Protein backbone atom coordinates (compact mmCIF):
# COMPACT_ATOMS: atom_id res chain seq x y z
CA UNK A 1 0.78 28.36 -15.67
CA UNK A 2 3.49 29.06 -13.23
CA UNK A 3 6.03 26.34 -12.27
CA UNK A 4 4.75 26.02 -8.54
CA UNK A 5 1.17 25.61 -9.78
CA UNK A 6 2.58 22.69 -11.98
CA UNK A 7 4.48 21.04 -9.11
CA UNK A 8 1.37 21.51 -6.73
CA UNK A 9 -0.72 19.62 -9.29
CA UNK A 10 1.69 16.91 -9.61
CA UNK A 11 2.06 16.56 -5.80
CA UNK A 12 -1.71 16.61 -5.53
CA UNK A 13 -2.21 14.05 -8.32
CA UNK A 14 0.50 11.71 -6.49
CA UNK A 15 -1.19 11.82 -3.23
CA UNK A 16 -4.57 11.00 -4.73
CA UNK A 17 -3.12 8.29 -6.35
CA UNK A 18 -1.51 6.88 -3.05
CA UNK A 19 -5.07 7.52 -1.34
CA UNK A 20 -6.59 5.32 -4.07
CA UNK A 21 -4.26 2.68 -3.24
CA UNK A 22 -5.20 2.55 0.35
CA UNK A 23 -9.04 2.58 -0.74
CA UNK A 24 -8.38 -0.44 -3.43
CA UNK A 25 -6.63 -2.49 -0.96
CA UNK A 26 -9.50 -2.62 1.19
CA UNK A 27 -8.04 -1.21 4.25
CA UNK A 28 -10.43 1.73 4.60
CA UNK A 29 -13.40 -0.79 4.76
CA UNK A 30 -11.41 -3.43 7.02
CA UNK A 31 -10.25 -0.77 9.38
CA UNK A 32 -13.92 1.01 9.42
CA UNK A 33 -11.97 4.16 8.17
CA UNK A 34 -9.94 4.19 11.22
CA UNK A 35 -7.21 6.71 10.40
CA UNK A 36 -4.98 5.86 13.49
CA UNK A 37 -5.16 2.06 12.75
CA UNK A 38 -4.16 2.74 9.14
CA UNK A 39 -1.21 5.15 10.18
CA UNK A 40 -0.10 2.46 12.57
CA UNK A 41 -0.17 -0.12 9.79
CA UNK A 42 1.99 2.36 7.56
CA UNK A 43 4.24 2.82 10.33
CA UNK A 44 4.86 -0.79 10.90
CA UNK A 45 5.36 -1.32 7.38
CA UNK A 46 8.01 1.43 7.52
CA UNK A 47 9.69 -0.18 10.70
CA UNK A 48 9.85 -3.51 8.66
CA UNK A 49 11.56 -1.82 5.71
CA UNK A 50 14.19 -0.40 8.05
CA UNK A 51 14.72 -3.79 9.56
CA UNK A 52 16.91 -6.81 8.51
CA UNK A 53 13.92 -8.27 6.74
CA UNK A 54 13.58 -5.29 4.71
CA UNK A 55 14.44 -7.12 1.42
CA UNK A 56 12.32 -10.06 1.87
CA UNK A 57 9.45 -7.61 2.85
CA UNK A 58 9.87 -5.59 -0.45
CA UNK A 59 10.10 -8.81 -2.46
CA UNK A 60 6.86 -10.09 -0.94
CA UNK A 61 4.83 -6.84 -1.05
CA UNK A 62 6.09 -6.04 -4.63
CA UNK A 63 5.05 -9.58 -5.82
CA UNK A 64 1.72 -9.22 -4.05
CA UNK A 65 1.05 -5.89 -5.72
CA UNK A 66 2.04 -6.57 -9.05
CA UNK A 67 -0.29 -10.07 -8.93
CA UNK A 68 -3.06 -7.90 -7.79
CA UNK A 69 -2.61 -5.00 -10.54
CA UNK A 70 -2.25 -7.89 -13.02
CA UNK A 71 -5.54 -9.52 -12.13
CA UNK A 72 -7.38 -5.90 -12.15
CA UNK A 73 -8.71 -6.53 -8.28
CA UNK A 74 -7.73 -5.45 -4.94
CA UNK A 75 -4.87 -7.47 -3.36
CA UNK A 76 -6.98 -8.73 -0.71
CA UNK A 77 -10.16 -9.62 -2.64
CA UNK A 78 -9.42 -13.46 -3.03
CA UNK A 79 -8.33 -13.72 0.44
CA UNK A 80 -5.37 -16.32 -0.40
CA UNK A 81 -3.40 -17.07 2.52
CA UNK A 82 -0.32 -18.68 1.41
CA UNK A 83 2.46 -20.53 3.74
CA UNK A 84 3.52 -18.70 6.84
CA UNK A 85 6.58 -18.03 4.89
CA UNK A 86 4.69 -15.32 2.57
CA UNK A 87 3.69 -13.65 5.77
CA UNK A 88 5.93 -10.36 6.25
């Protein structure tokens, strides 16, 4: 197999995995598969990660993601609402 084919397959796998996270999070269902809304939310996340609150957002979101992976369920499956401090 040629190098470009290997790289293309790696990229394709990576994109599929990222798409799987979008589905697993429940975003597709919650937005009614509205791609503009999903893209808007991702843009909002990117803005947050460029802001002065970036480190706090990274810590919060990474913690929530690790917890959901450890539980083996989507991040919002248990609909836990913590304190206002947890909201990014």
